[in-house]
Every structure is written in structure tokens, then in C-alpha cells.
Amino acid sequence: MHGTVSDFLVELAQNAFEAGAPAVVVDVIERGRGIEVCVADDGPGMDEATRRRALDPFFSAPGKHPGRRVGLGLPFVEQAVAQAGGTFDLASAPGAGTSVGFALDGAHIDAPPAGDWAGAIVSMLAMAAGAGTALRVHRMRDERSYAVASDELAEAVGPLTDAGALALVRMFVENQESALAGDGGTDDMDLATRHAGAAGDAGAAPREDGR
């Protein structure tokens, strides 16, 4: 299996955006080496037959994932989590939205690396903006935590479909991740606003690497 745990998170969120959910809530919790991820949406939901088919690697709903030959991303994530000794759950009902999540021990010999949490969060924010979905992400590591909301960030830095705005958001989220790791950082929500003001005053453009 290839990929990182943060890649799995983006995969689950992408399914929610493509389902047309108006709002998506993401929780990413690390306790010691343990990792818990949950993506919940208020989209149309699935009946039991569709829910089972969603975990079939050879089934794909019409019009979804046009760049893929077969399958949604869920079967791959479920298999990778099971291979690492973790648990996977997909709950859904028509008109009640969908909740999908998993938990695994990062110390397991077959566990994938955690990956780039900041990059994953920014990617989800960009996808949510493109889909017109309200996204809220709650991130916790042991006793430290922070949360970001797409509407609040857009109010601070501008539309999250804009590369310059996303570059500022990336700096902000990286700062929060550093704070979670105990490497400094700040929980000041005005950080992104200050960066936006400085960029506007200087007419600065984002670097090619988006950071």
C-alpha cells in the first residue's frame, strides 16, 4: 500500500465534496502514536445497498472521480487501515448525510506515515471552496488543539479559490501545526489577517512553491 494517513483524509473529504454536501466537518486527533480521523457531512447520504457498494473497489457512482478507472477511494483506505491493524467505519442514511472515519496505531509495522497534515488541510480547504462547501477542521494532538473554518478564513484572507489566499492560509496552518508539536507557533487567529494586509500593502505575489 502506498500513501500517507493525510492522503487518506483528503480522499475521504473529496468524496464528501463530490457528493454535494453543503457542509463538512473533519476531526483529526493524535493521541501518542494513535491517529483518529472522521469526516462527517450533511449531504444526501446513501441507502444500505449503496453504502455496501461504496466499499467495492470495482464500483463507482456515475460521474464521480472522472479521472479514475475504477472504484471510489474508500476501498483503498479501508484496506490500508485494516492492513495496519486499525478500524474503519462508514455510516450513512438517505437524507441524513454520511460519516466515515478510521483509527490506527501509527507505531504498527504496516501503518503508513502520517504525512503532511498542513498540506492536507489546505488541499481540503481549496477543494471545499471549489465545491461551494463549508468546511470546518478540528485538529488535536494530545492536549493541544486548533480549529479552522473555511468561511472565517475566507473573510480574513479572501476567496480560498485564490492562490495568494491559499498561500497565506498555508502559512497560518503550518504555524498551528508547529504549535501542536510544541515548536512554537501561535493560536492568534489574526495571523492570517496580518499577512493579508502586509501582502496587500506591498503588492506581494505568492512564491511559486505556494508557501
N, C-alpha and C. Protein backbone atom coordinates (compact mmCIF):
# COMPACT_ATOMS: atom_id res chain seq x y z
N MET A 1 0.83 -1.19 0.00
CA MET A 1 0.00 0.00 0.00
C MET A 1 0.87 1.26 0.00
N HIS A 2 0.45 2.25 -0.73
CA HIS A 2 1.17 3.50 -0.75
C HIS A 2 0.27 4.59 -0.19
N GLY A 3 0.83 5.76 0.01
CA GLY A 3 0.05 6.87 0.53
C GLY A 3 0.33 7.09 2.00
N THR A 4 -0.12 8.22 2.48
CA THR A 4 0.04 8.58 3.88
C THR A 4 -1.34 8.72 4.52
N VAL A 5 -1.36 8.82 5.83
CA VAL A 5 -2.64 8.97 6.52
C VAL A 5 -3.30 10.28 6.12
N SER A 6 -2.52 11.33 5.91
CA SER A 6 -3.10 12.59 5.47
C SER A 6 -3.68 12.49 4.06
N ASP A 7 -3.10 11.62 3.21
CA ASP A 7 -3.69 11.36 1.89
C ASP A 7 -5.06 10.70 2.05
N PHE A 8 -5.16 9.76 3.00
CA PHE A 8 -6.45 9.10 3.24
C PHE A 8 -7.50 10.12 3.65
N LEU A 9 -7.10 11.06 4.51
CA LEU A 9 -8.02 12.10 4.95
C LEU A 9 -8.55 12.89 3.76
N VAL A 10 -7.66 13.32 2.88
CA VAL A 10 -8.08 14.10 1.71
C VAL A 10 -9.03 13.28 0.84
N GLU A 11 -8.75 11.99 0.72
CA GLU A 11 -9.62 11.10 -0.07
C GLU A 11 -11.04 11.08 0.49
N LEU A 12 -11.16 10.94 1.80
CA LEU A 12 -12.48 10.90 2.43
C LEU A 12 -13.20 12.23 2.26
N ALA A 13 -12.48 13.32 2.42
CA ALA A 13 -13.11 14.64 2.27
C ALA A 13 -13.55 14.87 0.84
N GLN A 14 -12.74 14.44 -0.12
CA GLN A 14 -13.09 14.62 -1.52
C GLN A 14 -14.40 13.92 -1.86
N ASN A 15 -14.62 12.75 -1.29
CA ASN A 15 -15.88 12.05 -1.51
C ASN A 15 -17.05 12.89 -1.02
N ALA A 16 -16.89 13.52 0.14
CA ALA A 16 -17.97 14.34 0.68
C ALA A 16 -18.25 15.55 -0.20
N PHE A 17 -17.18 16.19 -0.69
CA PHE A 17 -17.37 17.36 -1.57
C PHE A 17 -18.08 16.95 -2.86
N GLU A 18 -17.65 15.82 -3.43
CA GLU A 18 -18.22 15.38 -4.69
C GLU A 18 -19.67 14.91 -4.53
N ALA A 19 -20.06 14.56 -3.30
CA ALA A 19 -21.44 14.15 -3.05
C ALA A 19 -22.38 15.35 -2.97
N GLY A 20 -21.81 16.57 -3.01
CA GLY A 20 -22.63 17.77 -2.98
C GLY A 20 -23.05 18.19 -1.59
N ALA A 21 -22.29 17.78 -0.57
CA ALA A 21 -22.64 18.16 0.80
C ALA A 21 -22.47 19.65 1.01
N PRO A 22 -23.47 20.34 1.57
CA PRO A 22 -23.32 21.78 1.85
C PRO A 22 -22.28 22.07 2.92
N ALA A 23 -22.12 21.16 3.88
CA ALA A 23 -21.18 21.38 4.97
C ALA A 23 -20.47 20.08 5.32
N VAL A 24 -19.19 20.19 5.66
CA VAL A 24 -18.37 19.03 6.04
C VAL A 24 -17.59 19.40 7.29
N VAL A 25 -17.56 18.48 8.25
CA VAL A 25 -16.78 18.66 9.47
C VAL A 25 -15.74 17.55 9.55
N VAL A 26 -14.49 17.94 9.76
CA VAL A 26 -13.37 17.00 9.80
C VAL A 26 -12.72 17.05 11.18
N ASP A 27 -12.48 15.89 11.76
CA ASP A 27 -11.74 15.78 13.02
C ASP A 27 -10.49 14.94 12.78
N VAL A 28 -9.35 15.46 13.20
CA VAL A 28 -8.09 14.72 13.11
C VAL A 28 -7.43 14.78 14.49
N ILE A 29 -7.36 13.64 15.14
CA ILE A 29 -6.89 13.58 16.53
C ILE A 29 -5.71 12.62 16.63
N GLU A 30 -4.64 13.09 17.24
CA GLU A 30 -3.49 12.25 17.52
C GLU A 30 -3.32 12.16 19.03
N ARG A 31 -3.28 10.93 19.53
CA ARG A 31 -3.01 10.69 20.95
C ARG A 31 -1.83 9.73 21.02
N GLY A 32 -0.69 10.26 21.43
CA GLY A 32 0.52 9.45 21.36
C GLY A 32 0.79 9.09 19.91
N ARG A 33 0.91 7.78 19.62
CA ARG A 33 1.10 7.34 18.24
C ARG A 33 -0.23 7.01 17.56
N GLY A 34 -1.32 7.07 18.30
CA GLY A 34 -2.62 6.76 17.73
C GLY A 34 -3.17 7.92 16.91
N ILE A 35 -3.86 7.58 15.82
CA ILE A 35 -4.44 8.59 14.93
C ILE A 35 -5.91 8.24 14.70
N GLU A 36 -6.78 9.22 14.90
CA GLU A 36 -8.21 9.06 14.63
C GLU A 36 -8.65 10.13 13.63
N VAL A 37 -9.38 9.73 12.61
CA VAL A 37 -9.85 10.64 11.58
C VAL A 37 -11.34 10.42 11.37
N CYS A 38 -12.11 11.49 11.28
CA CYS A 38 -13.53 11.38 10.97
C CYS A 38 -13.93 12.52 10.03
N VAL A 39 -14.67 12.18 9.00
CA VAL A 39 -15.21 13.17 8.06
C VAL A 39 -16.73 12.98 8.04
N ALA A 40 -17.46 13.99 8.47
CA ALA A 40 -18.92 13.92 8.52
C ALA A 40 -19.51 15.01 7.64
N ASP A 41 -20.54 14.66 6.87
CA ASP A 41 -21.16 15.65 6.00
C ASP A 41 -22.68 15.60 6.12
N ASP A 42 -23.32 16.65 5.62
CA ASP A 42 -24.78 16.71 5.64
C ASP A 42 -25.34 16.56 4.22
N GLY A 43 -24.64 15.74 3.43
CA GLY A 43 -25.07 15.51 2.05
C GLY A 43 -26.27 14.59 1.96
N PRO A 44 -26.57 14.09 0.76
CA PRO A 44 -27.78 13.29 0.56
C PRO A 44 -27.76 11.94 1.24
N GLY A 45 -26.58 11.44 1.61
CA GLY A 45 -26.50 10.15 2.25
C GLY A 45 -26.70 9.00 1.27
N MET A 46 -26.60 7.77 1.78
CA MET A 46 -26.70 6.56 0.96
C MET A 46 -27.60 5.55 1.65
N ASP A 47 -28.33 4.77 0.86
CA ASP A 47 -29.04 3.65 1.45
C ASP A 47 -28.03 2.52 1.69
N GLU A 48 -28.48 1.45 2.34
CA GLU A 48 -27.55 0.39 2.74
C GLU A 48 -26.90 -0.29 1.54
N ALA A 49 -27.66 -0.49 0.47
CA ALA A 49 -27.09 -1.14 -0.71
C ALA A 49 -25.99 -0.28 -1.32
N THR A 50 -26.23 1.02 -1.40
CA THR A 50 -25.21 1.92 -1.96
C THR A 50 -24.01 2.00 -1.04
N ARG A 51 -24.26 2.01 0.27
CA ARG A 51 -23.16 2.07 1.23
C ARG A 51 -22.24 0.86 1.05
N ARG A 52 -22.83 -0.32 0.86
CA ARG A 52 -22.00 -1.52 0.66
C ARG A 52 -21.24 -1.44 -0.66
N ARG A 53 -21.89 -0.93 -1.70
CA ARG A 53 -21.22 -0.83 -3.00
C ARG A 53 -20.08 0.18 -2.95
N ALA A 54 -20.20 1.19 -2.10
CA ALA A 54 -19.15 2.21 -2.00
C ALA A 54 -17.84 1.62 -1.51
N LEU A 55 -17.90 0.46 -0.87
CA LEU A 55 -16.69 -0.21 -0.39
C LEU A 55 -16.21 -1.30 -1.35
N ASP A 56 -16.86 -1.36 -2.51
CA ASP A 56 -16.45 -2.30 -3.56
C ASP A 56 -15.46 -1.60 -4.48
N PRO A 57 -14.22 -2.11 -4.59
CA PRO A 57 -13.22 -1.42 -5.41
C PRO A 57 -13.56 -1.37 -6.89
N PHE A 58 -14.55 -2.16 -7.34
CA PHE A 58 -14.91 -2.17 -8.76
C PHE A 58 -16.21 -1.44 -9.04
N PHE A 59 -16.69 -0.70 -8.03
CA PHE A 59 -17.91 0.09 -8.22
C PHE A 59 -17.56 1.56 -8.15
N SER A 60 -18.17 2.35 -9.03
CA SER A 60 -18.02 3.80 -8.96
C SER A 60 -19.33 4.43 -9.38
N ALA A 61 -19.80 5.39 -8.58
CA ALA A 61 -21.06 6.06 -8.90
C ALA A 61 -20.89 6.85 -10.19
N PRO A 62 -21.88 6.88 -11.06
CA PRO A 62 -21.78 7.62 -12.32
C PRO A 62 -21.40 9.08 -12.11
N GLY A 63 -20.38 9.52 -12.87
CA GLY A 63 -19.99 10.93 -12.80
C GLY A 63 -19.01 11.26 -11.71
N LYS A 64 -18.71 10.32 -10.81
CA LYS A 64 -17.77 10.61 -9.73
C LYS A 64 -16.37 10.18 -10.13
N HIS A 65 -15.38 10.91 -9.63
CA HIS A 65 -13.97 10.61 -9.89
C HIS A 65 -13.71 10.36 -11.37
N PRO A 66 -13.95 11.35 -12.23
CA PRO A 66 -13.80 11.11 -13.66
C PRO A 66 -12.40 10.72 -14.08
N GLY A 67 -11.39 11.02 -13.26
CA GLY A 67 -10.02 10.68 -13.63
C GLY A 67 -9.61 9.28 -13.23
N ARG A 68 -10.51 8.51 -12.59
CA ARG A 68 -10.16 7.17 -12.13
C ARG A 68 -10.83 6.12 -13.00
N ARG A 69 -10.16 4.99 -13.13
CA ARG A 69 -10.70 3.91 -13.94
C ARG A 69 -11.78 3.15 -13.18
N VAL A 70 -11.50 2.78 -11.93
CA VAL A 70 -12.47 2.01 -11.14
C VAL A 70 -12.45 2.50 -9.70
N GLY A 71 -13.60 2.27 -9.03
CA GLY A 71 -13.63 2.44 -7.59
C GLY A 71 -13.65 3.85 -7.08
N LEU A 72 -14.24 4.01 -5.91
CA LEU A 72 -14.08 5.23 -5.14
C LEU A 72 -12.77 5.07 -4.38
N GLY A 73 -12.41 6.03 -3.57
CA GLY A 73 -11.19 5.88 -2.79
C GLY A 73 -11.40 5.10 -1.52
N LEU A 74 -12.68 4.88 -1.13
CA LEU A 74 -12.96 4.26 0.15
C LEU A 74 -12.41 2.83 0.28
N PRO A 75 -12.51 1.98 -0.73
CA PRO A 75 -11.98 0.62 -0.57
C PRO A 75 -10.48 0.60 -0.29
N PHE A 76 -9.75 1.48 -0.95
CA PHE A 76 -8.30 1.56 -0.73
C PHE A 76 -8.00 1.96 0.70
N VAL A 77 -8.71 2.99 1.20
CA VAL A 77 -8.48 3.45 2.56
C VAL A 77 -8.84 2.35 3.56
N GLU A 78 -9.98 1.71 3.36
CA GLU A 78 -10.40 0.64 4.27
C GLU A 78 -9.36 -0.47 4.31
N GLN A 79 -8.85 -0.88 3.16
CA GLN A 79 -7.86 -1.96 3.11
C GLN A 79 -6.55 -1.55 3.78
N ALA A 80 -6.11 -0.32 3.53
CA ALA A 80 -4.85 0.15 4.12
C ALA A 80 -4.95 0.22 5.64
N VAL A 81 -6.09 0.69 6.13
CA VAL A 81 -6.29 0.79 7.58
C VAL A 81 -6.33 -0.60 8.21
N ALA A 82 -7.05 -1.53 7.56
CA ALA A 82 -7.12 -2.90 8.08
C ALA A 82 -5.74 -3.55 8.10
N GLN A 83 -4.95 -3.29 7.07
CA GLN A 83 -3.60 -3.86 6.99
C GLN A 83 -2.73 -3.37 8.13
N ALA A 84 -3.02 -2.17 8.62
CA ALA A 84 -2.25 -1.60 9.74
C ALA A 84 -2.89 -1.93 11.09
N GLY A 85 -3.87 -2.84 11.09
CA GLY A 85 -4.49 -3.24 12.34
C GLY A 85 -5.48 -2.24 12.89
N GLY A 86 -5.95 -1.31 12.06
CA GLY A 86 -6.86 -0.28 12.52
C GLY A 86 -8.31 -0.63 12.28
N THR A 87 -9.19 0.31 12.56
CA THR A 87 -10.62 0.13 12.37
C THR A 87 -11.14 1.20 11.41
N PHE A 88 -12.15 0.82 10.63
CA PHE A 88 -12.73 1.70 9.63
C PHE A 88 -14.24 1.62 9.75
N ASP A 89 -14.91 2.77 9.61
CA ASP A 89 -16.37 2.78 9.73
C ASP A 89 -16.98 3.73 8.71
N LEU A 90 -18.03 3.28 8.05
CA LEU A 90 -18.78 4.11 7.11
C LEU A 90 -20.25 4.03 7.48
N ALA A 91 -20.82 5.14 7.94
CA ALA A 91 -22.22 5.19 8.34
C ALA A 91 -22.94 6.21 7.47
N SER A 92 -24.11 5.85 6.96
CA SER A 92 -24.84 6.75 6.09
C SER A 92 -26.30 6.32 6.03
N ALA A 93 -27.15 7.30 5.73
CA ALA A 93 -28.57 7.02 5.53
C ALA A 93 -29.13 8.10 4.62
N PRO A 94 -30.10 7.76 3.78
CA PRO A 94 -30.67 8.77 2.89
C PRO A 94 -31.23 9.97 3.66
N GLY A 95 -30.80 11.15 3.24
CA GLY A 95 -31.26 12.38 3.87
C GLY A 95 -30.59 12.71 5.18
N ALA A 96 -29.67 11.85 5.64
CA ALA A 96 -29.03 12.06 6.94
C ALA A 96 -27.53 12.25 6.84
N GLY A 97 -27.00 12.35 5.63
CA GLY A 97 -25.58 12.57 5.46
C GLY A 97 -24.76 11.30 5.65
N THR A 98 -23.46 11.49 5.65
CA THR A 98 -22.52 10.37 5.74
C THR A 98 -21.41 10.70 6.72
N SER A 99 -21.00 9.71 7.48
CA SER A 99 -19.86 9.85 8.38
C SER A 99 -18.91 8.69 8.11
N VAL A 100 -17.68 9.00 7.84
CA VAL A 100 -16.68 7.96 7.57
C VAL A 100 -15.43 8.28 8.38
N GLY A 101 -14.87 7.27 9.00
CA GLY A 101 -13.70 7.52 9.82
C GLY A 101 -12.87 6.26 10.02
N PHE A 102 -11.71 6.45 10.58
CA PHE A 102 -10.84 5.31 10.87
C PHE A 102 -9.93 5.67 12.03
N ALA A 103 -9.38 4.65 12.64
CA ALA A 103 -8.41 4.82 13.73
C ALA A 103 -7.32 3.78 13.54
N LEU A 104 -6.09 4.18 13.79
CA LEU A 104 -4.98 3.23 13.69
C LEU A 104 -3.85 3.65 14.62
N ASP A 105 -2.96 2.70 14.86
CA ASP A 105 -1.78 2.92 15.68
C ASP A 105 -0.62 3.23 14.75
N GLY A 106 -0.11 4.46 14.83
CA GLY A 106 0.99 4.85 13.96
C GLY A 106 2.26 4.07 14.20
N ALA A 107 2.33 3.35 15.33
CA ALA A 107 3.52 2.56 15.63
C ALA A 107 3.45 1.16 15.01
N HIS A 108 2.30 0.80 14.44
CA HIS A 108 2.16 -0.52 13.81
C HIS A 108 3.13 -0.63 12.64
N ILE A 109 3.71 -1.82 12.47
CA ILE A 109 4.73 -2.00 11.43
C ILE A 109 4.20 -1.70 10.03
N ASP A 110 2.89 -1.89 9.81
CA ASP A 110 2.31 -1.64 8.49
C ASP A 110 1.58 -0.31 8.39
N ALA A 111 1.68 0.50 9.43
CA ALA A 111 0.99 1.80 9.38
C ALA A 111 1.71 2.74 8.42
N PRO A 112 0.97 3.44 7.58
CA PRO A 112 1.62 4.42 6.70
C PRO A 112 2.07 5.62 7.50
N PRO A 113 3.00 6.42 6.98
CA PRO A 113 3.40 7.64 7.68
C PRO A 113 2.25 8.63 7.75
N ALA A 114 2.31 9.50 8.74
CA ALA A 114 1.23 10.49 8.91
C ALA A 114 1.13 11.41 7.71
N GLY A 115 2.27 11.84 7.18
CA GLY A 115 2.26 12.72 6.01
C GLY A 115 2.21 14.19 6.40
N ASP A 116 1.74 14.99 5.48
CA ASP A 116 1.73 16.45 5.61
C ASP A 116 0.33 16.92 6.00
N TRP A 117 0.10 17.07 7.31
CA TRP A 117 -1.23 17.49 7.77
C TRP A 117 -1.58 18.88 7.28
N ALA A 118 -0.63 19.81 7.32
CA ALA A 118 -0.91 21.17 6.86
C ALA A 118 -1.28 21.17 5.39
N GLY A 119 -0.53 20.43 4.58
CA GLY A 119 -0.84 20.36 3.16
C GLY A 119 -2.20 19.76 2.91
N ALA A 120 -2.56 18.71 3.68
CA ALA A 120 -3.87 18.08 3.53
C ALA A 120 -4.99 19.05 3.87
N ILE A 121 -4.82 19.80 4.94
CA ILE A 121 -5.86 20.75 5.36
C ILE A 121 -6.04 21.84 4.32
N VAL A 122 -4.94 22.36 3.79
CA VAL A 122 -5.05 23.40 2.77
C VAL A 122 -5.69 22.84 1.50
N SER A 123 -5.33 21.62 1.13
CA SER A 123 -5.94 20.99 -0.05
C SER A 123 -7.44 20.85 0.13
N MET A 124 -7.87 20.43 1.32
CA MET A 124 -9.31 20.29 1.58
C MET A 124 -10.02 21.64 1.53
N LEU A 125 -9.38 22.66 2.07
CA LEU A 125 -9.98 24.00 2.02
C LEU A 125 -10.15 24.48 0.59
N ALA A 126 -9.14 24.20 -0.25
CA ALA A 126 -9.23 24.60 -1.66
C ALA A 126 -10.34 23.84 -2.37
N MET A 127 -10.41 22.52 -2.13
CA MET A 127 -11.46 21.72 -2.76
C MET A 127 -12.84 22.13 -2.28
N ALA A 128 -12.96 22.43 -1.00
CA ALA A 128 -14.25 22.86 -0.46
C ALA A 128 -14.70 24.17 -1.09
N ALA A 129 -13.75 25.09 -1.27
CA ALA A 129 -14.08 26.37 -1.89
C ALA A 129 -14.55 26.15 -3.33
N GLY A 130 -13.87 25.27 -4.06
CA GLY A 130 -14.27 25.00 -5.43
C GLY A 130 -15.63 24.33 -5.53
N ALA A 131 -15.99 23.56 -4.49
CA ALA A 131 -17.27 22.85 -4.49
C ALA A 131 -18.39 23.68 -3.87
N GLY A 132 -18.04 24.82 -3.28
CA GLY A 132 -19.05 25.62 -2.60
C GLY A 132 -19.50 25.01 -1.29
N THR A 133 -18.61 24.27 -0.64
CA THR A 133 -18.92 23.57 0.61
C THR A 133 -18.29 24.31 1.79
N ALA A 134 -19.04 24.42 2.88
CA ALA A 134 -18.50 24.99 4.11
C ALA A 134 -17.73 23.89 4.84
N LEU A 135 -16.48 24.15 5.15
CA LEU A 135 -15.62 23.14 5.78
C LEU A 135 -15.11 23.65 7.12
N ARG A 136 -15.20 22.79 8.12
CA ARG A 136 -14.59 23.08 9.41
C ARG A 136 -13.68 21.92 9.79
N VAL A 137 -12.46 22.23 10.20
CA VAL A 137 -11.48 21.21 10.57
C VAL A 137 -11.08 21.41 12.03
N HIS A 138 -11.22 20.35 12.81
CA HIS A 138 -10.76 20.37 14.21
C HIS A 138 -9.56 19.45 14.31
N ARG A 139 -8.46 20.00 14.76
CA ARG A 139 -7.18 19.27 14.81
C ARG A 139 -6.70 19.21 16.25
N MET A 140 -6.37 18.03 16.73
CA MET A 140 -5.90 17.86 18.11
C MET A 140 -4.69 16.95 18.13
N ARG A 141 -3.75 17.31 18.98
CA ARG A 141 -2.58 16.45 19.23
C ARG A 141 -2.33 16.44 20.72
N ASP A 142 -2.62 15.32 21.35
CA ASP A 142 -2.57 15.20 22.81
C ASP A 142 -3.43 16.30 23.43
N GLU A 143 -2.85 17.23 24.18
CA GLU A 143 -3.67 18.24 24.87
C GLU A 143 -3.80 19.53 24.10
N ARG A 144 -3.12 19.66 22.96
CA ARG A 144 -3.19 20.90 22.19
C ARG A 144 -4.17 20.73 21.03
N SER A 145 -4.80 21.82 20.65
CA SER A 145 -5.75 21.73 19.53
C SER A 145 -5.94 23.09 18.88
N TYR A 146 -6.47 23.07 17.68
CA TYR A 146 -6.90 24.28 16.99
C TYR A 146 -7.99 23.91 16.00
N ALA A 147 -8.69 24.89 15.49
CA ALA A 147 -9.74 24.64 14.51
C ALA A 147 -9.67 25.73 13.44
N VAL A 148 -10.03 25.35 12.22
CA VAL A 148 -10.13 26.32 11.13
C VAL A 148 -11.47 26.13 10.44
N ALA A 149 -12.04 27.22 9.99
CA ALA A 149 -13.31 27.19 9.27
C ALA A 149 -13.15 27.95 7.97
N SER A 150 -13.63 27.37 6.88
CA SER A 150 -13.42 27.96 5.57
C SER A 150 -14.03 29.36 5.46
N ASP A 151 -15.19 29.58 6.07
CA ASP A 151 -15.82 30.90 5.95
C ASP A 151 -15.04 31.96 6.70
N GLU A 152 -14.50 31.60 7.88
CA GLU A 152 -13.71 32.56 8.66
C GLU A 152 -12.40 32.90 7.94
N LEU A 153 -11.76 31.87 7.38
CA LEU A 153 -10.51 32.12 6.67
C LEU A 153 -10.75 32.98 5.43
N ALA A 154 -11.83 32.70 4.70
CA ALA A 154 -12.13 33.50 3.50
C ALA A 154 -12.39 34.95 3.87
N GLU A 155 -13.03 35.17 5.01
CA GLU A 155 -13.27 36.54 5.46
C GLU A 155 -11.96 37.24 5.79
N ALA A 156 -10.98 36.47 6.28
CA ALA A 156 -9.71 37.06 6.68
C ALA A 156 -8.77 37.32 5.51
N VAL A 157 -8.70 36.37 4.55
CA VAL A 157 -7.68 36.47 3.50
C VAL A 157 -8.24 36.58 2.09
N GLY A 158 -9.55 36.42 1.94
CA GLY A 158 -10.14 36.47 0.61
C GLY A 158 -10.54 35.08 0.14
N PRO A 159 -11.11 34.98 -1.04
CA PRO A 159 -11.61 33.70 -1.54
C PRO A 159 -10.54 32.61 -1.53
N LEU A 160 -10.91 31.43 -1.06
CA LEU A 160 -9.94 30.34 -0.97
C LEU A 160 -9.75 29.63 -2.30
N THR A 161 -10.34 30.18 -3.35
CA THR A 161 -10.03 29.73 -4.71
C THR A 161 -8.84 30.50 -5.28
N ASP A 162 -8.35 31.49 -4.54
CA ASP A 162 -7.24 32.33 -4.98
C ASP A 162 -5.92 31.77 -4.45
N ALA A 163 -4.93 31.66 -5.32
CA ALA A 163 -3.64 31.08 -4.93
C ALA A 163 -2.96 31.89 -3.85
N GLY A 164 -3.07 33.21 -3.92
CA GLY A 164 -2.45 34.05 -2.91
C GLY A 164 -3.07 33.84 -1.54
N ALA A 165 -4.39 33.73 -1.51
CA ALA A 165 -5.08 33.49 -0.25
C ALA A 165 -4.68 32.14 0.33
N LEU A 166 -4.58 31.13 -0.52
CA LEU A 166 -4.20 29.80 -0.04
C LEU A 166 -2.77 29.77 0.48
N ALA A 167 -1.90 30.57 -0.12
CA ALA A 167 -0.52 30.64 0.37
C ALA A 167 -0.49 31.19 1.79
N LEU A 168 -1.34 32.19 2.05
CA LEU A 168 -1.42 32.76 3.39
C LEU A 168 -2.02 31.75 4.37
N VAL A 169 -3.04 31.05 3.92
CA VAL A 169 -3.66 30.03 4.76
C VAL A 169 -2.65 28.94 5.09
N ARG A 170 -1.84 28.56 4.12
CA ARG A 170 -0.83 27.52 4.37
C ARG A 170 0.14 27.98 5.47
N MET A 171 0.58 29.22 5.42
CA MET A 171 1.47 29.72 6.47
C MET A 171 0.79 29.65 7.83
N PHE A 172 -0.48 30.02 7.85
CA PHE A 172 -1.22 30.01 9.11
C PHE A 172 -1.36 28.59 9.65
N VAL A 173 -1.75 27.65 8.80
CA VAL A 173 -1.95 26.28 9.25
C VAL A 173 -0.62 25.64 9.67
N GLU A 174 0.45 25.92 8.93
CA GLU A 174 1.75 25.40 9.32
C GLU A 174 2.15 25.92 10.70
N ASN A 175 1.81 27.18 10.97
CA ASN A 175 2.10 27.75 12.27
C ASN A 175 1.34 27.01 13.37
N GLN A 176 0.07 26.69 13.10
CA GLN A 176 -0.72 25.96 14.08
C GLN A 176 -0.18 24.55 14.30
N GLU A 177 0.27 23.90 13.22
CA GLU A 177 0.86 22.57 13.36
C GLU A 177 2.14 22.61 14.18
N SER A 178 2.92 23.66 14.00
CA SER A 178 4.13 23.81 14.80
C SER A 178 3.78 23.96 16.28
N ALA A 179 2.71 24.70 16.56
CA ALA A 179 2.27 24.87 17.94
C ALA A 179 1.82 23.54 18.53
N LEU A 180 1.14 22.71 17.75
CA LEU A 180 0.71 21.39 18.23
C LEU A 180 1.92 20.53 18.60
N ALA A 181 2.97 20.66 17.80
CA ALA A 181 4.17 19.86 18.02
C ALA A 181 5.05 20.43 19.12
N GLY A 182 4.65 21.58 19.67
CA GLY A 182 5.44 22.21 20.72
C GLY A 182 6.64 22.96 20.19
N ASP A 183 6.60 23.33 18.90
CA ASP A 183 7.72 24.03 18.28
C ASP A 183 7.48 25.53 18.16
N GLY A 184 6.66 26.06 19.01
CA GLY A 184 6.35 27.48 18.93
C GLY A 184 5.00 27.67 18.29
N GLY A 185 4.90 28.62 17.37
CA GLY A 185 3.62 28.91 16.73
C GLY A 185 2.77 29.79 17.61
N THR A 186 1.60 30.10 17.12
CA THR A 186 0.67 30.95 17.84
C THR A 186 -0.74 30.54 17.53
N ASP A 187 -1.64 30.74 18.48
CA ASP A 187 -3.05 30.46 18.24
C ASP A 187 -3.81 31.74 17.92
N ASP A 188 -3.08 32.79 17.55
CA ASP A 188 -3.71 34.08 17.22
C ASP A 188 -4.40 33.99 15.87
N MET A 189 -5.74 34.08 15.87
CA MET A 189 -6.50 33.96 14.63
C MET A 189 -6.27 35.13 13.70
N ASP A 190 -5.69 36.24 14.18
CA ASP A 190 -5.45 37.41 13.34
C ASP A 190 -4.18 37.26 12.51
N LEU A 191 -3.45 36.16 12.68
CA LEU A 191 -2.20 35.99 11.95
C LEU A 191 -2.43 36.07 10.45
N ALA A 192 -3.42 35.34 9.95
CA ALA A 192 -3.69 35.35 8.51
C ALA A 192 -4.10 36.74 8.05
N THR A 193 -4.86 37.45 8.87
CA THR A 193 -5.29 38.80 8.51
C THR A 193 -4.10 39.73 8.40
N ARG A 194 -3.15 39.62 9.34
CA ARG A 194 -1.97 40.48 9.29
C ARG A 194 -1.15 40.19 8.04
N HIS A 195 -0.98 38.90 7.71
CA HIS A 195 -0.25 38.56 6.50
C HIS A 195 -0.96 39.11 5.26
N ALA A 196 -2.29 39.02 5.25
CA ALA A 196 -3.04 39.51 4.09
C ALA A 196 -2.85 41.01 3.93
N GLY A 197 -2.85 41.73 5.04
CA GLY A 197 -2.65 43.17 4.97
C GLY A 197 -1.27 43.52 4.48
N ALA A 198 -0.28 42.78 4.95
CA ALA A 198 1.09 43.05 4.52
C ALA A 198 1.26 42.77 3.04
N ALA A 199 0.66 41.67 2.57
CA ALA A 199 0.78 41.34 1.16
C ALA A 199 0.09 42.38 0.30
N GLY A 200 -1.06 42.86 0.78
CA GLY A 200 -1.78 43.87 0.00
C GLY A 200 -1.02 45.18 -0.06
N ASP A 201 -0.43 45.59 1.06
CA ASP A 201 0.32 46.85 1.09
C ASP A 201 1.54 46.79 0.20
N ALA A 202 2.17 45.62 0.16
CA ALA A 202 3.41 45.51 -0.61
C ALA A 202 3.18 45.06 -2.03
N GLY A 203 1.93 44.68 -2.32
CA GLY A 203 1.65 44.15 -3.66
C GLY A 203 2.37 42.85 -3.90
N ALA A 204 2.58 42.08 -2.81
CA ALA A 204 3.37 40.86 -2.92
C ALA A 204 2.59 39.77 -3.63
N ALA A 205 3.32 38.95 -4.38
CA ALA A 205 2.71 37.80 -5.04
C ALA A 205 3.22 36.54 -4.36
N PRO A 206 2.41 35.46 -4.32
CA PRO A 206 2.88 34.23 -3.70
C PRO A 206 4.03 33.63 -4.46
N ARG A 207 4.92 32.95 -3.73
CA ARG A 207 6.03 32.26 -4.37
C ARG A 207 5.51 31.09 -5.18
N GLU A 208 6.31 30.61 -6.11
CA GLU A 208 5.88 29.52 -6.99
C GLU A 208 5.60 28.25 -6.22
N ASP A 209 6.27 28.07 -5.06
CA ASP A 209 6.03 26.83 -4.30
C ASP A 209 4.79 26.97 -3.43
N GLY A 210 4.06 28.10 -3.51
CA GLY A 210 2.81 28.27 -2.79
C GLY A 210 2.98 28.52 -1.31
N ARG A 211 4.19 28.77 -0.86
CA ARG A 211 4.41 28.98 0.57
C ARG A 211 4.84 30.41 0.85
